[in-house]
Structure formats: C-alpha cells, structure tokens
Amino acid sequence: MSNTDQLSPSAGVTKEVVLEARLVSKVYNDADHEVKVLSDLDFKLHQGEQLAIIGSSGSGKSTLLNILGGLDEPSSGDVLVSGQDLHDGNEAQRAKVRNASLGFVYQFHHLLPEFTALENAAMPLLMRDMPLDEVKSLAEEVLVSVGLSHRLSHKPAQLSGGERQRVAIARALIGKPAVVLMDEPTGNLDRGTAESVQVLIDSLNQEYGIAFVLVTHDPELAKRTGRVLELIDGKLVER
C-alpha cells in the first residue's frame, strides 16, 4: 500500500500519510471478564493535518494515544508512522522510531524540575548524541518560536502554567517529528491561557507542516482542527 493518499481531490493535492492505524484493537482481561476498549480502528493522518479525538471519560482516548505513540501495545492490528511499523522490532528500535518521528505533549507537562527551559526542550536531541552546541542552538530557536526567548534559563518552578506547556510543546517540536501527539494539552490551563496555546498550535502547524493529533475534552480546541473523530464503544466515528 502506498504511503500517500489523495487529501483533496478537487485541488489535486497529494500528501504523505504520516500516521496510520490498521484494525487496531485493545482488549484487557479482568479476572473472568474480557473488556474490549478499542475495536478494529482504522484511520489515516496526512502530513500537516490536525485531528482531534474526543469521547467521554473512560472511552479509551488515552489508551489509543499511547498505542499510536508506541507507549502501549495493541492486542491486534498495526500502527505505521511514516510507513514504518511502530510496534515491530524490539524496544530499542521502537524508541528510535519514536524519537525520530513522534513528539509528545501531555496535560501535565512532565518537565524535569532541575533543568532549565532550554535544557528541557533539548532533551530529545540530547538522546541522539548530537553536538551540544548544535542542540543548544536548535533548542533556543524552537523556544523563541513558541514565545519564550526571555525564559531560556528559567526552571519550571519559575514559569507559569502556560509557559511550562509551551516548553513541553517546544520539546515535542525540536526533532521536527512527522506527528505530535497531544493528550489534553489545554486541560490543566485557565481559559485565557488555553486559548493562547490553541493559537500557538495552529501557528506551529502552519509554520512547520507537522501533523497534530489532539485528545481533548475541550470543544473549542476540537473545533479548531480540520477533522474530529469521536470514540464511542471502541469505534471511531467521524464528526
């Protein structure tokens, strides 16, 4: 199967499929009971596309995001990132694919408290054994792009909630991944700060051409994406 699909037939534009789920299911066995959380999910995400996944609490949204990010194994089915099977090979090989092709942003930023904003943003590239001067330069560049040029040497405790989330977004972007996965990126922010993060996501999507998958309860954030899927009874329904 080709890793390109027709995104807009009327415009004649083809874009690479950067993330694909093929018949992905997740089943948990609890004592004598089998709980099917995800059931034969199929979807494709194209380069530069924004996708929101919504659903009630406990519907399996975070489980799906963890599988898409290679942090959890599907019970069956495949996940392809830029044509590579994410769940093929050993953990070291999967980690290499994650580092090269995926960025992650969580509701709680998971910044390392003892490191500065610059050092936190640089972490994915430090894992690639790149020259330190080059890593610092790229970290500064991406922090400037998210509006934190004046906070490079500040540690997380010295930053506001919105600033910490911006550092987390910079960390996700620094390796220029094909896809950034976001789990409730505005869920822990006040309305005004959440709106500024929403605007930032839009501008970064346009600037870098990176695809975004956002799991969210926030209807305003979901509406800003070009596409919304709702997870109901283990199935994805297009909205």
C-alpha atoms as a PDB file:
ATOM      1  CA  MET A   1       0.000   0.000   0.000  1.00  0.00           C
ATOM      2  CA  SER A   2       1.289   3.480  -0.879  1.00  0.00           C
ATOM      3  CA  ASN A   3       2.054   5.838   1.965  1.00  0.00           C
ATOM      4  CA  THR A   4       0.400   8.700   0.107  1.00  0.00           C
ATOM      5  CA  ASP A   5      -3.326   9.305  -0.194  1.00  0.00           C
ATOM      6  CA  GLN A   6      -5.400  11.861  -2.063  1.00  0.00           C
ATOM      7  CA  LEU A   7      -6.109  14.568   0.524  1.00  0.00           C
ATOM      8  CA  SER A   8      -8.055  16.973  -1.638  1.00  0.00           C
ATOM      9  CA  PRO A   9      -9.210  15.511  -4.973  1.00  0.00           C
ATOM     10  CA  SER A  10     -10.585  18.827  -6.187  1.00  0.00           C
ATOM     11  CA  ALA A  11      -7.243  20.531  -5.649  1.00  0.00           C
ATOM     12  CA  GLY A  12      -5.244  17.572  -6.945  1.00  0.00           C
ATOM     13  CA  VAL A  13      -3.015  17.645  -3.884  1.00  0.00           C
ATOM     14  CA  THR A  14      -1.400  14.518  -2.501  1.00  0.00           C
ATOM     15  CA  LYS A  15       0.215  14.457   0.903  1.00  0.00           C
ATOM     16  CA  GLU A  16       2.141  11.764   2.702  1.00  0.00           C
ATOM     17  CA  VAL A  17       0.317   9.583   5.192  1.00  0.00           C
ATOM     18  CA  VAL A  18       2.385  10.140   8.337  1.00  0.00           C
ATOM     19  CA  LEU A  19       0.302   8.063  10.769  1.00  0.00           C
ATOM     20  CA  GLU A  20      -1.942   5.101  10.064  1.00  0.00           C
ATOM     21  CA  ALA A  21      -3.910   2.743  12.292  1.00  0.00           C
ATOM     22  CA  ARG A  22      -4.907  -0.567  10.717  1.00  0.00           C
ATOM     23  CA  LEU A  23      -7.545  -2.637  12.515  1.00  0.00           C
ATOM     24  CA  VAL A  24      -6.185  -1.629  15.939  1.00  0.00           C
ATOM     25  CA  SER A  25      -7.859  -3.331  18.894  1.00  0.00           C
ATOM     26  CA  LYS A  26      -7.124  -3.342  22.614  1.00  0.00           C
ATOM     27  CA  VAL A  27      -8.510  -5.949  24.981  1.00  0.00           C
ATOM     28  CA  TYR A  28      -7.954  -6.192  28.731  1.00  0.00           C
ATOM     29  CA  ASN A  29      -8.611  -9.375  30.670  1.00  0.00           C
ATOM     30  CA  ASP A  30     -10.002  -8.742  34.138  1.00  0.00           C
ATOM     31  CA  ALA A  31     -10.450 -11.985  36.078  1.00  0.00           C
ATOM     32  CA  ASP A  32     -13.101 -13.869  34.100  1.00  0.00           C
ATOM     33  CA  HIS A  33     -14.095 -10.861  32.022  1.00  0.00           C
ATOM     34  CA  GLU A  34     -12.733  -9.574  28.734  1.00  0.00           C
ATOM     35  CA  VAL A  35     -13.005  -5.821  28.246  1.00  0.00           C
ATOM     36  CA  LYS A  36     -12.628  -4.599  24.667  1.00  0.00           C
ATOM     37  CA  VAL A  37     -11.562  -0.950  24.839  1.00  0.00           C
ATOM     38  CA  LEU A  38     -10.728  -0.421  21.159  1.00  0.00           C
ATOM     39  CA  SER A  39     -12.242  -2.388  18.295  1.00  0.00           C
ATOM     40  CA  ASP A  40     -10.680  -2.630  14.810  1.00  0.00           C
ATOM     41  CA  LEU A  41      -9.861   1.065  14.463  1.00  0.00           C
ATOM     42  CA  ASP A  42      -8.784   2.343  11.041  1.00  0.00           C
ATOM     43  CA  PHE A  43      -7.719   5.876  10.171  1.00  0.00           C
ATOM     44  CA  LYS A  44      -5.016   7.817   8.344  1.00  0.00           C
ATOM     45  CA  LEU A  45      -3.398  11.133   9.201  1.00  0.00           C
ATOM     46  CA  HIS A  46      -1.745  13.158   6.445  1.00  0.00           C
ATOM     47  CA  GLN A  47       1.217  15.493   6.580  1.00  0.00           C
ATOM     48  CA  GLY A  48       0.239  18.837   8.120  1.00  0.00           C
ATOM     49  CA  GLU A  49      -3.232  17.650   9.148  1.00  0.00           C
ATOM     50  CA  GLN A  50      -4.774  18.422  12.534  1.00  0.00           C
ATOM     51  CA  LEU A  51      -7.021  15.756  14.063  1.00  0.00           C
ATOM     52  CA  ALA A  52      -8.980  15.905  17.322  1.00  0.00           C
ATOM     53  CA  ILE A  53     -10.109  12.730  19.080  1.00  0.00           C
ATOM     54  CA  ILE A  54     -12.965  13.291  21.509  1.00  0.00           C
ATOM     55  CA  GLY A  55     -15.030  10.998  23.712  1.00  0.00           C
ATOM     56  CA  SER A  56     -16.385  10.541  27.203  1.00  0.00           C
ATOM     57  CA  SER A  57     -14.135   9.775  30.166  1.00  0.00           C
ATOM     58  CA  GLY A  58     -13.108   6.130  30.110  1.00  0.00           C
ATOM     59  CA  SER A  59     -13.853   5.724  26.392  1.00  0.00           C
ATOM     60  CA  GLY A  60     -10.238   4.755  25.634  1.00  0.00           C
ATOM     61  CA  LYS A  61      -8.844   8.003  24.224  1.00  0.00           C
ATOM     62  CA  SER A  62      -5.617   7.931  26.229  1.00  0.00           C
ATOM     63  CA  THR A  63      -5.214   4.209  25.545  1.00  0.00           C
ATOM     64  CA  LEU A  64      -5.476   4.914  21.826  1.00  0.00           C
ATOM     65  CA  LEU A  65      -2.976   7.782  22.045  1.00  0.00           C
ATOM     66  CA  ASN A  66      -0.491   5.579  23.933  1.00  0.00           C
ATOM     67  CA  ILE A  67      -0.786   2.903  21.233  1.00  0.00           C
ATOM     68  CA  LEU A  68      -0.333   5.491  18.479  1.00  0.00           C
ATOM     69  CA  GLY A  69       2.781   6.710  20.299  1.00  0.00           C
ATOM     70  CA  GLY A  70       4.245   3.245  20.815  1.00  0.00           C
ATOM     71  CA  LEU A  71       3.925   3.507  24.601  1.00  0.00           C
ATOM     72  CA  ASP A  72       1.411   0.645  24.744  1.00  0.00           C
ATOM     73  CA  GLU A  73       0.932  -2.438  22.578  1.00  0.00           C
ATOM     74  CA  PRO A  74      -2.292  -3.123  20.663  1.00  0.00           C
ATOM     75  CA  SER A  75      -3.878  -6.513  21.195  1.00  0.00           C
ATOM     76  CA  SER A  76      -4.111  -6.738  17.407  1.00  0.00           C
ATOM     77  CA  GLY A  77      -3.582  -4.507  14.409  1.00  0.00           C
ATOM     78  CA  ASP A  78      -0.772  -2.248  13.235  1.00  0.00           C
ATOM     79  CA  VAL A  79       0.345   1.358  13.665  1.00  0.00           C
ATOM     80  CA  LEU A  80       2.523   2.868  10.923  1.00  0.00           C
ATOM     81  CA  VAL A  81       4.492   6.082  11.371  1.00  0.00           C
ATOM     82  CA  SER A  82       5.781   7.453   8.061  1.00  0.00           C
ATOM     83  CA  GLY A  83       5.397   3.948   6.661  1.00  0.00           C
ATOM     84  CA  GLN A  84       7.270   2.203   9.498  1.00  0.00           C
ATOM     85  CA  ASP A  85       5.540  -0.337  11.720  1.00  0.00           C
ATOM     86  CA  LEU A  86       5.799   1.256  15.170  1.00  0.00           C
ATOM     87  CA  HIS A  87       5.294  -1.991  17.047  1.00  0.00           C
ATOM     88  CA  ASP A  88       7.750  -4.036  15.028  1.00  0.00           C
ATOM     89  CA  GLY A  89      11.184  -4.870  16.440  1.00  0.00           C
ATOM     90  CA  ASN A  90      12.499  -4.596  19.981  1.00  0.00           C
ATOM     91  CA  GLU A  91      12.028  -1.734  22.446  1.00  0.00           C
ATOM     92  CA  ALA A  92      15.281  -0.021  21.423  1.00  0.00           C
ATOM     93  CA  GLN A  93      14.148   0.033  17.790  1.00  0.00           C
ATOM     94  CA  ARG A  94      10.709   1.358  18.750  1.00  0.00           C
ATOM     95  CA  ALA A  95      12.308   4.062  20.888  1.00  0.00           C
ATOM     96  CA  LYS A  96      14.416   5.137  17.915  1.00  0.00           C
ATOM     97  CA  VAL A  97      11.310   5.494  15.725  1.00  0.00           C
ATOM     98  CA  ARG A  98       9.526   7.449  18.473  1.00  0.00           C
ATOM     99  CA  ASN A  99      12.457   9.817  18.898  1.00  0.00           C
ATOM    100  CA  ALA A 100      12.814  10.432  15.170  1.00  0.00           C
ATOM    101  CA  SER A 101       9.173  10.669  14.102  1.00  0.00           C
ATOM    102  CA  LEU A 102       6.950  11.481  17.087  1.00  0.00           C
ATOM    103  CA  GLY A 103       6.582  14.319  19.567  1.00  0.00           C
ATOM    104  CA  PHE A 104       4.539  14.130  22.778  1.00  0.00           C
ATOM    105  CA  VAL A 105       2.706  16.775  24.822  1.00  0.00           C
ATOM    106  CA  TYR A 106       0.777  15.804  27.943  1.00  0.00           C
ATOM    107  CA  GLN A 107      -1.808  17.558  30.118  1.00  0.00           C
ATOM    108  CA  PHE A 108       0.822  17.697  32.852  1.00  0.00           C
ATOM    109  CA  HIS A 109       3.964  18.923  31.123  1.00  0.00           C
ATOM    110  CA  HIS A 110       6.400  16.376  32.681  1.00  0.00           C
ATOM    111  CA  LEU A 111       9.302  18.811  32.605  1.00  0.00           C
ATOM    112  CA  LEU A 112      12.365  17.919  34.642  1.00  0.00           C
ATOM    113  CA  PRO A 113      12.371  20.397  37.565  1.00  0.00           C
ATOM    114  CA  GLU A 114      16.145  20.584  37.967  1.00  0.00           C
ATOM    115  CA  PHE A 115      16.717  21.657  34.342  1.00  0.00           C
ATOM    116  CA  THR A 116      16.132  24.973  32.585  1.00  0.00           C
ATOM    117  CA  ALA A 117      13.618  25.560  29.808  1.00  0.00           C
ATOM    118  CA  LEU A 118      16.462  25.311  27.296  1.00  0.00           C
ATOM    119  CA  GLU A 119      17.697  22.009  28.738  1.00  0.00           C
ATOM    120  CA  ASN A 120      14.196  20.533  28.909  1.00  0.00           C
ATOM    121  CA  ALA A 121      13.472  21.477  25.294  1.00  0.00           C
ATOM    122  CA  ALA A 122      16.787  19.966  24.207  1.00  0.00           C
ATOM    123  CA  MET A 123      16.196  16.508  25.733  1.00  0.00           C
ATOM    124  CA  PRO A 124      15.056  14.629  22.580  1.00  0.00           C
ATOM    125  CA  LEU A 125      18.147  15.761  20.657  1.00  0.00           C
ATOM    126  CA  LEU A 126      20.494  15.008  23.542  1.00  0.00           C
ATOM    127  CA  MET A 127      19.291  11.415  23.216  1.00  0.00           C
ATOM    128  CA  ARG A 128      20.543  11.425  19.615  1.00  0.00           C
ATOM    129  CA  ASP A 129      24.118  12.201  20.678  1.00  0.00           C
ATOM    130  CA  MET A 130      24.211  15.388  18.621  1.00  0.00           C
ATOM    131  CA  PRO A 131      26.908  18.031  19.260  1.00  0.00           C
ATOM    132  CA  LEU A 132      25.973  20.060  22.330  1.00  0.00           C
ATOM    133  CA  ASP A 133      26.409  23.468  20.676  1.00  0.00           C
ATOM    134  CA  GLU A 134      24.090  22.451  17.832  1.00  0.00           C
ATOM    135  CA  VAL A 135      21.487  21.118  20.272  1.00  0.00           C
ATOM    136  CA  LYS A 136      21.547  24.334  22.327  1.00  0.00           C
ATOM    137  CA  SER A 137      21.145  26.431  19.188  1.00  0.00           C
ATOM    138  CA  LEU A 138      18.146  24.389  17.999  1.00  0.00           C
ATOM    139  CA  ALA A 139      16.570  24.448  21.481  1.00  0.00           C
ATOM    140  CA  GLU A 140      16.875  28.219  21.619  1.00  0.00           C
ATOM    141  CA  GLU A 141      15.390  28.506  18.128  1.00  0.00           C
ATOM    142  CA  VAL A 142      12.322  26.430  18.970  1.00  0.00           C
ATOM    143  CA  LEU A 143      11.781  28.190  22.319  1.00  0.00           C
ATOM    144  CA  VAL A 144      11.862  31.519  20.507  1.00  0.00           C
ATOM    145  CA  SER A 145       9.248  30.168  18.077  1.00  0.00           C
ATOM    146  CA  VAL A 146       6.873  29.436  20.991  1.00  0.00           C
ATOM    147  CA  GLY A 147       7.410  32.875  22.516  1.00  0.00           C
ATOM    148  CA  LEU A 148       9.869  32.024  25.301  1.00  0.00           C
ATOM    149  CA  SER A 149      13.012  33.879  24.249  1.00  0.00           C
ATOM    150  CA  HIS A 150      13.023  35.587  27.673  1.00  0.00           C
ATOM    151  CA  ARG A 151      12.697  32.340  29.645  1.00  0.00           C
ATOM    152  CA  LEU A 152      15.559  30.198  28.324  1.00  0.00           C
ATOM    153  CA  SER A 153      17.402  29.917  31.658  1.00  0.00           C
ATOM    154  CA  HIS A 154      14.318  29.638  33.867  1.00  0.00           C
ATOM    155  CA  LYS A 155      13.440  26.367  35.577  1.00  0.00           C
ATOM    156  CA  PRO A 156       9.861  25.016  35.564  1.00  0.00           C
ATOM    157  CA  ALA A 157       9.078  26.333  39.064  1.00  0.00           C
ATOM    158  CA  GLN A 158       9.830  29.847  37.780  1.00  0.00           C
ATOM    159  CA  LEU A 159       7.405  29.529  34.849  1.00  0.00           C
ATOM    160  CA  SER A 160       3.637  29.945  34.647  1.00  0.00           C
ATOM    161  CA  GLY A 161       1.418  27.017  33.668  1.00  0.00           C
ATOM    162  CA  GLY A 162       1.108  28.307  30.113  1.00  0.00           C
ATOM    163  CA  GLU A 163       4.862  28.830  29.844  1.00  0.00           C
ATOM    164  CA  ARG A 164       5.548  25.290  31.082  1.00  0.00           C
ATOM    165  CA  GLN A 165       3.183  23.925  28.448  1.00  0.00           C
ATOM    166  CA  ARG A 166       4.984  25.991  25.799  1.00  0.00           C
ATOM    167  CA  VAL A 167       8.289  24.424  26.871  1.00  0.00           C
ATOM    168  CA  ALA A 168       6.652  20.995  26.530  1.00  0.00           C
ATOM    169  CA  ILE A 169       5.473  21.912  23.030  1.00  0.00           C
ATOM    170  CA  ALA A 170       8.976  23.124  22.137  1.00  0.00           C
ATOM    171  CA  ARG A 171      10.398  19.808  23.387  1.00  0.00           C
ATOM    172  CA  ALA A 172       7.919  17.944  21.173  1.00  0.00           C
ATOM    173  CA  LEU A 173       8.829  20.027  18.120  1.00  0.00           C
ATOM    174  CA  ILE A 174      12.611  20.198  18.383  1.00  0.00           C
ATOM    175  CA  GLY A 175      13.275  16.973  16.485  1.00  0.00           C
ATOM    176  CA  LYS A 176      10.938  18.045  13.643  1.00  0.00           C
ATOM    177  CA  PRO A 177       8.747  14.948  14.005  1.00  0.00           C
ATOM    178  CA  ALA A 178       6.186  13.865  11.453  1.00  0.00           C
ATOM    179  CA  VAL A 179       3.450  13.823  14.126  1.00  0.00           C
ATOM    180  CA  VAL A 180       2.915  15.466  17.508  1.00  0.00           C
ATOM    181  CA  LEU A 181       0.543  13.610  19.863  1.00  0.00           C
ATOM    182  CA  MET A 182      -1.177  15.770  22.475  1.00  0.00           C
ATOM    183  CA  ASP A 183      -3.115  14.441  25.466  1.00  0.00           C
ATOM    184  CA  GLU A 184      -5.394  17.195  26.851  1.00  0.00           C
ATOM    185  CA  PRO A 185      -2.830  19.940  26.088  1.00  0.00           C
ATOM    186  CA  THR A 186      -5.115  22.670  27.492  1.00  0.00           C
ATOM    187  CA  GLY A 187      -6.847  20.596  30.175  1.00  0.00           C
ATOM    188  CA  ASN A 188      -4.803  21.991  33.060  1.00  0.00           C
ATOM    189  CA  LEU A 189      -4.896  25.637  31.943  1.00  0.00           C
ATOM    190  CA  ASP A 190      -7.263  28.541  32.563  1.00  0.00           C
ATOM    191  CA  ARG A 191      -9.428  29.667  29.638  1.00  0.00           C
ATOM    192  CA  GLY A 192      -7.247  32.587  28.586  1.00  0.00           C
ATOM    193  CA  THR A 193      -4.035  30.563  28.678  1.00  0.00           C
ATOM    194  CA  ALA A 194      -5.727  27.666  26.899  1.00  0.00           C
ATOM    195  CA  GLU A 195      -6.765  29.983  24.074  1.00  0.00           C
ATOM    196  CA  SER A 196      -3.188  31.234  23.664  1.00  0.00           C
ATOM    197  CA  VAL A 197      -1.957  27.618  23.446  1.00  0.00           C
ATOM    198  CA  GLN A 198      -4.646  26.861  20.855  1.00  0.00           C
ATOM    199  CA  VAL A 199      -3.461  29.780  18.721  1.00  0.00           C
ATOM    200  CA  LEU A 200       0.129  28.602  19.151  1.00  0.00           C
ATOM    201  CA  ILE A 201      -0.732  25.067  17.968  1.00  0.00           C
ATOM    202  CA  ASP A 202      -2.400  26.498  14.850  1.00  0.00           C
ATOM    203  CA  SER A 203       0.564  28.725  14.001  1.00  0.00           C
ATOM    204  CA  LEU A 204       3.129  25.953  14.572  1.00  0.00           C
ATOM    205  CA  ASN A 205       1.085  23.563  12.447  1.00  0.00           C
ATOM    206  CA  GLN A 206       1.196  26.046   9.579  1.00  0.00           C
ATOM    207  CA  GLU A 207       4.847  27.020  10.105  1.00  0.00           C
ATOM    208  CA  TYR A 208       6.350  23.541  10.425  1.00  0.00           C
ATOM    209  CA  GLY A 209       3.832  21.442   8.455  1.00  0.00           C
ATOM    210  CA  ILE A 210       3.777  18.930  11.315  1.00  0.00           C
ATOM    211  CA  ALA A 211       0.635  16.841  11.819  1.00  0.00           C
ATOM    212  CA  PHE A 212      -1.094  17.034  15.208  1.00  0.00           C
ATOM    213  CA  VAL A 213      -3.342  14.515  16.981  1.00  0.00           C
ATOM    214  CA  LEU A 214      -5.116  16.084  19.960  1.00  0.00           C
ATOM    215  CA  VAL A 215      -7.046  14.053  22.500  1.00  0.00           C
ATOM    216  CA  THR A 216      -9.280  16.582  24.225  1.00  0.00           C
ATOM    217  CA  HIS A 217     -12.433  17.284  26.206  1.00  0.00           C
ATOM    218  CA  ASP A 218     -12.212  20.909  25.057  1.00  0.00           C
ATOM    219  CA  PRO A 219     -14.864  21.550  22.371  1.00  0.00           C
ATOM    220  CA  GLU A 220     -13.230  24.850  21.370  1.00  0.00           C
ATOM    221  CA  LEU A 221      -9.881  23.145  20.753  1.00  0.00           C
ATOM    222  CA  ALA A 222     -11.564  20.301  18.835  1.00  0.00           C
ATOM    223  CA  LYS A 223     -13.413  22.790  16.601  1.00  0.00           C
ATOM    224  CA  ARG A 224     -10.138  24.439  15.584  1.00  0.00           C
ATOM    225  CA  THR A 225      -8.828  21.244  13.997  1.00  0.00           C
ATOM    226  CA  GLY A 226      -9.695  20.290  10.455  1.00  0.00           C
ATOM    227  CA  ARG A 227     -11.108  16.918  11.478  1.00  0.00           C
ATOM    228  CA  VAL A 228     -12.794  15.418  14.555  1.00  0.00           C
ATOM    229  CA  LEU A 229     -13.203  11.713  15.408  1.00  0.00           C
ATOM    230  CA  GLU A 230     -15.302  10.605  18.376  1.00  0.00           C
ATOM    231  CA  LEU A 231     -14.511   7.375  20.213  1.00  0.00           C
ATOM    232  CA  ILE A 232     -17.782   5.582  21.035  1.00  0.00           C
ATOM    233  CA  ASP A 233     -17.992   1.980  22.242  1.00  0.00           C
ATOM    234  CA  GLY A 234     -14.477   1.282  20.994  1.00  0.00           C
ATOM    235  CA  LYS A 235     -15.127   2.649  17.498  1.00  0.00           C
ATOM    236  CA  LEU A 236     -14.101   5.947  15.854  1.00  0.00           C
ATOM    237  CA  VAL A 237     -16.931   7.981  14.349  1.00  0.00           C
ATOM    238  CA  GLU A 238     -16.211  10.925  12.031  1.00  0.00           C
ATOM    239  CA  ARG A 239     -17.779  14.207  13.194  1.00  0.00           C
END
